[in-house]
Amino acid sequence: MKCIVIYDITSTRIRNKIADLCMDYGLNRIQYSAFAGDLLRTHQEELIKRAAAKLGKHAGRIYLYCIGDREWGQRLEYVGGSESATADA
């Protein structure tokens, strides 16, 4: 299932750890604190638990949103000077 992980974390060290964790799960960076990609349900739960453990008592928020294939295919992007609705990325 397509997922987006976004986070708002004050500590640079923890932000970097969360970014590394997202990349370990094969997610692609789409913005500085946002990643997207395919994750099985078990990996979604594992990722959010591991991210929460890394955040610990530091200030911040971590969100993981799942998006159906139909909705993902209807997303709009602005890339390289042209706006397009992509069917698959």
PDB file of N, CA and C in Angstrom:
ATOM      1  N   MET A   1       0.839  -1.177   0.000  1.00  0.00           N
ATOM      2  CA  MET A   1       0.000   0.000   0.000  1.00  0.00           C
ATOM      3  C   MET A   1       0.885   1.243   0.000  1.00  0.00           C
ATOM      4  N   LYS A   2       0.464   2.262  -0.728  1.00  0.00           N
ATOM      5  CA  LYS A   2       1.204   3.516  -0.782  1.00  0.00           C
ATOM      6  C   LYS A   2       1.055   4.247   0.549  1.00  0.00           C
ATOM      7  N   CYS A   3       2.171   4.755   1.052  1.00  0.00           N
ATOM      8  CA  CYS A   3       2.172   5.455   2.330  1.00  0.00           C
ATOM      9  C   CYS A   3       2.972   6.739   2.221  1.00  0.00           C
ATOM     10  N   ILE A   4       2.594   7.689   3.044  1.00  0.00           N
ATOM     11  CA  ILE A   4       3.356   8.923   3.205  1.00  0.00           C
ATOM     12  C   ILE A   4       3.682   9.061   4.677  1.00  0.00           C
ATOM     13  N   VAL A   5       4.954   9.316   4.969  1.00  0.00           N
ATOM     14  CA  VAL A   5       5.401   9.581   6.334  1.00  0.00           C
ATOM     15  C   VAL A   5       5.854  11.035   6.371  1.00  0.00           C
ATOM     16  N   ILE A   6       5.285  11.788   7.297  1.00  0.00           N
ATOM     17  CA  ILE A   6       5.714  13.169   7.495  1.00  0.00           C
ATOM     18  C   ILE A   6       6.006  13.366   8.979  1.00  0.00           C
ATOM     19  N   TYR A   7       6.940  14.263   9.254  1.00  0.00           N
ATOM     20  CA  TYR A   7       7.279  14.494  10.652  1.00  0.00           C
ATOM     21  C   TYR A   7       7.720  15.927  10.858  1.00  0.00           C
ATOM     22  N   ASP A   8       7.537  16.367  12.088  1.00  0.00           N
ATOM     23  CA  ASP A   8       7.939  17.694  12.530  1.00  0.00           C
ATOM     24  C   ASP A   8       8.659  17.491  13.856  1.00  0.00           C
ATOM     25  N   ILE A   9       9.981  17.519  13.801  1.00  0.00           N
ATOM     26  CA  ILE A   9      10.807  17.188  14.958  1.00  0.00           C
ATOM     27  C   ILE A   9      11.841  18.286  15.144  1.00  0.00           C
ATOM     28  N   THR A  10      11.971  18.786  16.356  1.00  0.00           N
ATOM     29  CA  THR A  10      12.865  19.914  16.608  1.00  0.00           C
ATOM     30  C   THR A  10      14.342  19.528  16.597  1.00  0.00           C
ATOM     31  N   SER A  11      14.676  18.339  17.018  1.00  0.00           N
ATOM     32  CA  SER A  11      16.070  17.892  17.111  1.00  0.00           C
ATOM     33  C   SER A  11      16.584  17.432  15.746  1.00  0.00           C
ATOM     34  N   THR A  12      17.657  18.071  15.280  1.00  0.00           N
ATOM     35  CA  THR A  12      18.257  17.680  14.001  1.00  0.00           C
ATOM     36  C   THR A  12      18.744  16.237  14.048  1.00  0.00           C
ATOM     37  N   ARG A  13      19.333  15.846  15.141  1.00  0.00           N
ATOM     38  CA  ARG A  13      19.847  14.478  15.290  1.00  0.00           C
ATOM     39  C   ARG A  13      18.723  13.453  15.154  1.00  0.00           C
ATOM     40  N   ILE A  14      17.599  13.697  15.805  1.00  0.00           N
ATOM     41  CA  ILE A  14      16.468  12.771  15.734  1.00  0.00           C
ATOM     42  C   ILE A  14      15.839  12.816  14.344  1.00  0.00           C
ATOM     43  N   ARG A  15      15.709  14.004  13.754  1.00  0.00           N
ATOM     44  CA  ARG A  15      15.178  14.114  12.378  1.00  0.00           C
ATOM     45  C   ARG A  15      15.996  13.251  11.426  1.00  0.00           C
ATOM     46  N   ASN A  16      17.307  13.314  11.546  1.00  0.00           N
ATOM     47  CA  ASN A  16      18.174  12.518  10.676  1.00  0.00           C
ATOM     48  C   ASN A  16      17.982  11.022  10.904  1.00  0.00           C
ATOM     49  N   LYS A  17      17.793  10.627  12.147  1.00  0.00           N
ATOM     50  CA  LYS A  17      17.554   9.215  12.447  1.00  0.00           C
ATOM     51  C   LYS A  17      16.238   8.738  11.832  1.00  0.00           C
ATOM     52  N   ILE A  18      15.208   9.568  11.902  1.00  0.00           N
ATOM     53  CA  ILE A  18      13.911   9.207  11.319  1.00  0.00           C
ATOM     54  C   ILE A  18      14.025   9.131   9.798  1.00  0.00           C
ATOM     55  N   ALA A  19      14.763  10.060   9.193  1.00  0.00           N
ATOM     56  CA  ALA A  19      14.980  10.029   7.739  1.00  0.00           C
ATOM     57  C   ALA A  19      15.699   8.739   7.341  1.00  0.00           C
ATOM     58  N   ASP A  20      16.733   8.379   8.080  1.00  0.00           N
ATOM     59  CA  ASP A  20      17.460   7.137   7.798  1.00  0.00           C
ATOM     60  C   ASP A  20      16.548   5.928   7.931  1.00  0.00           C
ATOM     61  N   LEU A  21      15.706   5.933   8.939  1.00  0.00           N
ATOM     62  CA  LEU A  21      14.765   4.843   9.153  1.00  0.00           C
ATOM     63  C   LEU A  21      13.810   4.719   7.965  1.00  0.00           C
ATOM     64  N   CYS A  22      13.279   5.838   7.499  1.00  0.00           N
ATOM     65  CA  CYS A  22      12.373   5.816   6.344  1.00  0.00           C
ATOM     66  C   CYS A  22      13.072   5.250   5.115  1.00  0.00           C
ATOM     67  N   MET A  23      14.314   5.650   4.904  1.00  0.00           N
ATOM     68  CA  MET A  23      15.073   5.136   3.760  1.00  0.00           C
ATOM     69  C   MET A  23      15.367   3.647   3.925  1.00  0.00           C
ATOM     70  N   ASP A  24      15.591   3.194   5.170  1.00  0.00           N
ATOM     71  CA  ASP A  24      15.806   1.769   5.419  1.00  0.00           C
ATOM     72  C   ASP A  24      14.596   0.941   4.997  1.00  0.00           C
ATOM     73  N   TYR A  25      13.417   1.519   5.065  1.00  0.00           N
ATOM     74  CA  TYR A  25      12.185   0.840   4.669  1.00  0.00           C
ATOM     75  C   TYR A  25      11.864   1.040   3.183  1.00  0.00           C
ATOM     76  N   GLY A  26      12.793   1.654   2.453  1.00  0.00           N
ATOM     77  CA  GLY A  26      12.623   1.805   1.017  1.00  0.00           C
ATOM     78  C   GLY A  26      11.764   2.981   0.594  1.00  0.00           C
ATOM     79  N   LEU A  27      11.482   3.895   1.517  1.00  0.00           N
ATOM     80  CA  LEU A  27      10.682   5.064   1.167  1.00  0.00           C
ATOM     81  C   LEU A  27      11.560   6.106   0.485  1.00  0.00           C
ATOM     82  N   ASN A  28      10.958   6.894  -0.384  1.00  0.00           N
ATOM     83  CA  ASN A  28      11.666   7.941  -1.119  1.00  0.00           C
ATOM     84  C   ASN A  28      11.340   9.297  -0.532  1.00  0.00           C
ATOM     85  N   ARG A  29      12.372  10.122  -0.390  1.00  0.00           N
ATOM     86  CA  ARG A  29      12.174  11.462   0.143  1.00  0.00           C
ATOM     87  C   ARG A  29      11.427  12.295  -0.894  1.00  0.00           C
ATOM     88  N   ILE A  30      10.328  12.946  -0.469  1.00  0.00           N
ATOM     89  CA  ILE A  30       9.587  13.824  -1.367  1.00  0.00           C
ATOM     90  C   ILE A  30       9.690  15.283  -0.917  1.00  0.00           C
ATOM     91  N   GLN A  31      10.066  15.507   0.319  1.00  0.00           N
ATOM     92  CA  GLN A  31      10.392  16.818   0.864  1.00  0.00           C
ATOM     93  C   GLN A  31      11.349  16.574   2.026  1.00  0.00           C
ATOM     94  N   TYR A  32      11.847  17.644   2.642  1.00  0.00           N
ATOM     95  CA  TYR A  32      12.838  17.467   3.701  1.00  0.00           C
ATOM     96  C   TYR A  32      12.358  16.536   4.814  1.00  0.00           C
ATOM     97  N   SER A  33      11.118  16.661   5.229  1.00  0.00           N
ATOM     98  CA  SER A  33      10.591  15.830   6.312  1.00  0.00           C
ATOM     99  C   SER A  33       9.386  15.031   5.860  1.00  0.00           C
ATOM    100  N   ALA A  34       9.442  14.536   4.625  1.00  0.00           N
ATOM    101  CA  ALA A  34       8.343  13.737   4.077  1.00  0.00           C
ATOM    102  C   ALA A  34       8.894  12.658   3.154  1.00  0.00           C
ATOM    103  N   PHE A  35       8.367  11.456   3.308  1.00  0.00           N
ATOM    104  CA  PHE A  35       8.771  10.304   2.509  1.00  0.00           C
ATOM    105  C   PHE A  35       7.529   9.602   1.991  1.00  0.00           C
ATOM    106  N   ALA A  36       7.661   8.911   0.855  1.00  0.00           N
ATOM    107  CA  ALA A  36       6.537   8.176   0.283  1.00  0.00           C
ATOM    108  C   ALA A  36       7.042   6.870  -0.315  1.00  0.00           C
ATOM    109  N   GLY A  37       6.152   5.881  -0.342  1.00  0.00           N
ATOM    110  CA  GLY A  37       6.492   4.603  -0.966  1.00  0.00           C
ATOM    111  C   GLY A  37       5.537   3.516  -0.540  1.00  0.00           C
ATOM    112  N   ASP A  38       5.845   2.316  -0.968  1.00  0.00           N
ATOM    113  CA  ASP A  38       5.019   1.148  -0.653  1.00  0.00           C
ATOM    114  C   ASP A  38       5.477   0.506   0.647  1.00  0.00           C
ATOM    115  N   LEU A  39       4.511   0.218   1.516  1.00  0.00           N
ATOM    116  CA  LEU A  39       4.793  -0.488   2.765  1.00  0.00           C
ATOM    117  C   LEU A  39       3.684  -1.485   3.053  1.00  0.00           C
ATOM    118  N   LEU A  40       4.061  -2.702   3.393  1.00  0.00           N
ATOM    119  CA  LEU A  40       3.088  -3.671   3.875  1.00  0.00           C
ATOM    120  C   LEU A  40       2.577  -3.219   5.235  1.00  0.00           C
ATOM    121  N   ARG A  41       1.405  -3.680   5.620  1.00  0.00           N
ATOM    122  CA  ARG A  41       0.816  -3.268   6.899  1.00  0.00           C
ATOM    123  C   ARG A  41       1.753  -3.569   8.072  1.00  0.00           C
ATOM    124  N   THR A  42       2.378  -4.722   8.066  1.00  0.00           N
ATOM    125  CA  THR A  42       3.285  -5.069   9.163  1.00  0.00           C
ATOM    126  C   THR A  42       4.469  -4.109   9.213  1.00  0.00           C
ATOM    127  N   HIS A  43       4.954  -3.675   8.042  1.00  0.00           N
ATOM    128  CA  HIS A  43       6.060  -2.722   8.009  1.00  0.00           C
ATOM    129  C   HIS A  43       5.620  -1.326   8.446  1.00  0.00           C
ATOM    130  N   GLN A  44       4.370  -0.976   8.157  1.00  0.00           N
ATOM    131  CA  GLN A  44       3.835   0.311   8.611  1.00  0.00           C
ATOM    132  C   GLN A  44       3.869   0.375  10.124  1.00  0.00           C
ATOM    133  N   GLU A  45       3.357  -0.664  10.761  1.00  0.00           N
ATOM    134  CA  GLU A  45       3.308  -0.704  12.224  1.00  0.00           C
ATOM    135  C   GLU A  45       4.712  -0.725  12.818  1.00  0.00           C
ATOM    136  N   GLU A  46       5.600  -1.500  12.207  1.00  0.00           N
ATOM    137  CA  GLU A  46       6.979  -1.593  12.681  1.00  0.00           C
ATOM    138  C   GLU A  46       7.698  -0.253  12.542  1.00  0.00           C
ATOM    139  N   LEU A  47       7.523   0.412  11.407  1.00  0.00           N
ATOM    140  CA  LEU A  47       8.165   1.698  11.167  1.00  0.00           C
ATOM    141  C   LEU A  47       7.711   2.744  12.183  1.00  0.00           C
ATOM    142  N   ILE A  48       6.410   2.844  12.412  1.00  0.00           N
ATOM    143  CA  ILE A  48       5.920   3.879  13.327  1.00  0.00           C
ATOM    144  C   ILE A  48       6.374   3.584  14.763  1.00  0.00           C
ATOM    145  N   LYS A  49       6.443   2.311  15.150  1.00  0.00           N
ATOM    146  CA  LYS A  49       6.929   1.965  16.490  1.00  0.00           C
ATOM    147  C   LYS A  49       8.409   2.305  16.634  1.00  0.00           C
ATOM    148  N   ARG A  50       9.192   1.983  15.622  1.00  0.00           N
ATOM    149  CA  ARG A  50      10.624   2.281  15.682  1.00  0.00           C
ATOM    150  C   ARG A  50      10.866   3.792  15.657  1.00  0.00           C
ATOM    151  N   ALA A  51      10.095   4.508  14.852  1.00  0.00           N
ATOM    152  CA  ALA A  51      10.234   5.967  14.788  1.00  0.00           C
ATOM    153  C   ALA A  51       9.850   6.593  16.124  1.00  0.00           C
ATOM    154  N   ALA A  52       8.771   6.110  16.726  1.00  0.00           N
ATOM    155  CA  ALA A  52       8.338   6.625  18.023  1.00  0.00           C
ATOM    156  C   ALA A  52       9.402   6.365  19.087  1.00  0.00           C
ATOM    157  N   ALA A  53      10.042   5.216  19.025  1.00  0.00           N
ATOM    158  CA  ALA A  53      11.105   4.898  19.986  1.00  0.00           C
ATOM    159  C   ALA A  53      12.293   5.841  19.810  1.00  0.00           C
ATOM    160  N   LYS A  54      12.626   6.167  18.561  1.00  0.00           N
ATOM    161  CA  LYS A  54      13.730   7.099  18.306  1.00  0.00           C
ATOM    162  C   LYS A  54      13.381   8.513  18.777  1.00  0.00           C
ATOM    163  N   LEU A  55      12.118   8.907  18.615  1.00  0.00           N
ATOM    164  CA  LEU A  55      11.679  10.222  19.066  1.00  0.00           C
ATOM    165  C   LEU A  55      11.720  10.299  20.590  1.00  0.00           C
ATOM    166  N   GLY A  56      11.278   9.220  21.230  1.00  0.00           N
ATOM    167  CA  GLY A  56      11.302   9.164  22.687  1.00  0.00           C
ATOM    168  C   GLY A  56      10.607  10.350  23.316  1.00  0.00           C
ATOM    169  N   LYS A  57      11.290  11.052  24.220  1.00  0.00           N
ATOM    170  CA  LYS A  57      10.702  12.190  24.926  1.00  0.00           C
ATOM    171  C   LYS A  57      11.009  13.521  24.252  1.00  0.00           C
ATOM    172  N   HIS A  58      11.651  13.477  23.073  1.00  0.00           N
ATOM    173  CA  HIS A  58      11.935  14.709  22.342  1.00  0.00           C
ATOM    174  C   HIS A  58      10.635  15.285  21.772  1.00  0.00           C
ATOM    175  N   ALA A  59      10.606  16.592  21.603  1.00  0.00           N
ATOM    176  CA  ALA A  59       9.432  17.241  21.029  1.00  0.00           C
ATOM    177  C   ALA A  59       9.307  16.878  19.558  1.00  0.00           C
ATOM    178  N   GLY A  60       8.099  16.546  19.131  1.00  0.00           N
ATOM    179  CA  GLY A  60       7.884  16.265  17.716  1.00  0.00           C
ATOM    180  C   GLY A  60       6.655  15.428  17.467  1.00  0.00           C
ATOM    181  N   ARG A  61       6.349  15.293  16.184  1.00  0.00           N
ATOM    182  CA  ARG A  61       5.200  14.499  15.727  1.00  0.00           C
ATOM    183  C   ARG A  61       5.623  13.700  14.519  1.00  0.00           C
ATOM    184  N   ILE A  62       5.086  12.490  14.410  1.00  0.00           N
ATOM    185  CA  ILE A  62       5.341  11.627  13.261  1.00  0.00           C
ATOM    186  C   ILE A  62       3.991  11.094  12.789  1.00  0.00           C
ATOM    187  N   TYR A  63       3.721  11.242  11.499  1.00  0.00           N
ATOM    188  CA  TYR A  63       2.462  10.763  10.925  1.00  0.00           C
ATOM    189  C   TYR A  63       2.757   9.779   9.811  1.00  0.00           C
ATOM    190  N   LEU A  64       1.964   8.723   9.728  1.00  0.00           N
ATOM    191  CA  LEU A  64       2.031   7.777   8.628  1.00  0.00           C
ATOM    192  C   LEU A  64       0.626   7.656   8.058  1.00  0.00           C
ATOM    193  N   TYR A  65       0.475   8.084   6.801  1.00  0.00           N
ATOM    194  CA  TYR A  65      -0.817   8.025   6.117  1.00  0.00           C
ATOM    195  C   TYR A  65      -0.741   6.996   5.011  1.00  0.00           C
ATOM    196  N   CYS A  66      -1.772   6.166   4.901  1.00  0.00           N
ATOM    197  CA  CYS A  66      -1.864   5.184   3.826  1.00  0.00           C
ATOM    198  C   CYS A  66      -2.881   5.675   2.798  1.00  0.00           C
ATOM    199  N   ILE A  67      -2.554   5.441   1.538  1.00  0.00           N
ATOM    200  CA  ILE A  67      -3.378   5.945   0.448  1.00  0.00           C
ATOM    201  C   ILE A  67      -3.652   4.800  -0.510  1.00  0.00           C
ATOM    202  N   GLY A  68      -4.919   4.607  -0.855  1.00  0.00           N
ATOM    203  CA  GLY A  68      -5.292   3.557  -1.798  1.00  0.00           C
ATOM    204  C   GLY A  68      -4.712   3.810  -3.179  1.00  0.00           C
ATOM    205  N   ASP A  69      -4.553   2.744  -3.953  1.00  0.00           N
ATOM    206  CA  ASP A  69      -3.971   2.853  -5.289  1.00  0.00           C
ATOM    207  C   ASP A  69      -4.757   3.811  -6.186  1.00  0.00           C
ATOM    208  N   ARG A  70      -6.070   3.773  -6.082  1.00  0.00           N
ATOM    209  CA  ARG A  70      -6.906   4.654  -6.910  1.00  0.00           C
ATOM    210  C   ARG A  70      -6.620   6.124  -6.582  1.00  0.00           C
ATOM    211  N   GLU A  71      -6.617   6.445  -5.297  1.00  0.00           N
ATOM    212  CA  GLU A  71      -6.365   7.817  -4.870  1.00  0.00           C
ATOM    213  C   GLU A  71      -4.929   8.233  -5.194  1.00  0.00           C
ATOM    214  N   TRP A  72      -3.984   7.310  -5.006  1.00  0.00           N
ATOM    215  CA  TRP A  72      -2.595   7.606  -5.322  1.00  0.00           C
ATOM    216  C   TRP A  72      -2.445   7.943  -6.807  1.00  0.00           C
ATOM    217  N   GLY A  73      -3.127   7.192  -7.641  1.00  0.00           N
ATOM    218  CA  GLY A  73      -3.077   7.420  -9.076  1.00  0.00           C
ATOM    219  C   GLY A  73      -3.689   8.746  -9.497  1.00  0.00           C
ATOM    220  N   GLN A  74      -4.528   9.328  -8.644  1.00  0.00           N
ATOM    221  CA  GLN A  74      -5.180  10.595  -8.959  1.00  0.00           C
ATOM    222  C   GLN A  74      -4.470  11.798  -8.349  1.00  0.00           C
ATOM    223  N   ARG A  75      -3.336  11.572  -7.716  1.00  0.00           N
ATOM    224  CA  ARG A  75      -2.636  12.688  -7.089  1.00  0.00           C
ATOM    225  C   ARG A  75      -2.123  13.650  -8.157  1.00  0.00           C
ATOM    226  N   LEU A  76      -1.939  14.864  -7.762  1.00  0.00           N
ATOM    227  CA  LEU A  76      -1.395  15.887  -8.648  1.00  0.00           C
ATOM    228  C   LEU A  76      -0.004  16.256  -8.177  1.00  0.00           C
ATOM    229  N   GLU A  77       0.886  16.479  -9.112  1.00  0.00           N
ATOM    230  CA  GLU A  77       2.254  16.854  -8.798  1.00  0.00           C
ATOM    231  C   GLU A  77       2.658  18.029  -9.666  1.00  0.00           C
ATOM    232  N   TYR A  78       3.586  18.785  -9.164  1.00  0.00           N
ATOM    233  CA  TYR A  78       4.232  19.820  -9.958  1.00  0.00           C
ATOM    234  C   TYR A  78       5.708  19.459  -9.980  1.00  0.00           C
ATOM    235  N   VAL A  79       6.206  19.060 -11.143  1.00  0.00           N
ATOM    236  CA  VAL A  79       7.587  18.603 -11.265  1.00  0.00           C
ATOM    237  C   VAL A  79       8.221  19.248 -12.488  1.00  0.00           C
ATOM    238  N   GLY A  80       9.354  19.870 -12.320  1.00  0.00           N
ATOM    239  CA  GLY A  80      10.133  20.370 -13.436  1.00  0.00           C
ATOM    240  C   GLY A  80       9.408  21.346 -14.340  1.00  0.00           C
ATOM    241  N   GLY A  81       8.499  22.139 -13.778  1.00  0.00           N
ATOM    242  CA  GLY A  81       7.844  23.168 -14.553  1.00  0.00           C
ATOM    243  C   GLY A  81       6.566  22.759 -15.237  1.00  0.00           C
ATOM    244  N   SER A  82       6.069  21.543 -14.987  1.00  0.00           N
ATOM    245  CA  SER A  82       4.794  21.149 -15.604  1.00  0.00           C
ATOM    246  C   SER A  82       3.927  20.456 -14.564  1.00  0.00           C
ATOM    247  N   GLU A  83       2.660  20.784 -14.565  1.00  0.00           N
ATOM    248  CA  GLU A  83       1.720  20.147 -13.639  1.00  0.00           C
ATOM    249  C   GLU A  83       1.093  18.981 -14.350  1.00  0.00           C
ATOM    250  N   SER A  84       1.036  17.840 -13.647  1.00  0.00           N
ATOM    251  CA  SER A  84       0.450  16.663 -14.268  1.00  0.00           C
ATOM    252  C   SER A  84      -0.172  15.781 -13.211  1.00  0.00           C
ATOM    253  N   ALA A  85      -1.210  15.073 -13.609  1.00  0.00           N
ATOM    254  CA  ALA A  85      -1.786  14.034 -12.774  1.00  0.00           C
ATOM    255  C   ALA A  85      -1.090  12.755 -13.166  1.00  0.00           C
ATOM    256  N   THR A  86      -0.356  12.143 -12.244  1.00  0.00           N
ATOM    257  CA  THR A  86       0.409  10.963 -12.590  1.00  0.00           C
ATOM    258  C   THR A  86      -0.394   9.710 -12.294  1.00  0.00           C
ATOM    259  N   ALA A  87      -0.297   8.760 -13.166  1.00  0.00           N
ATOM    260  CA  ALA A  87      -0.982   7.492 -12.976  1.00  0.00           C
ATOM    261  C   ALA A  87      -0.166   6.563 -12.099  1.00  0.00           C
ATOM    262  N   ASP A  88       1.147   6.687 -12.172  1.00  0.00           N
ATOM    263  CA  ASP A  88       2.014   5.823 -11.375  1.00  0.00           C
ATOM    264  C   ASP A  88       3.375   6.477 -11.259  1.00  0.00           C
ATOM    265  N   ALA A  89       3.925   6.441 -10.062  1.00  0.00           N
ATOM    266  CA  ALA A  89       5.251   7.038  -9.880  1.00  0.00           C
ATOM    267  C   ALA A  89       6.177   6.074  -9.213  1.00  0.00           C
TER     268      ALA A  89
END
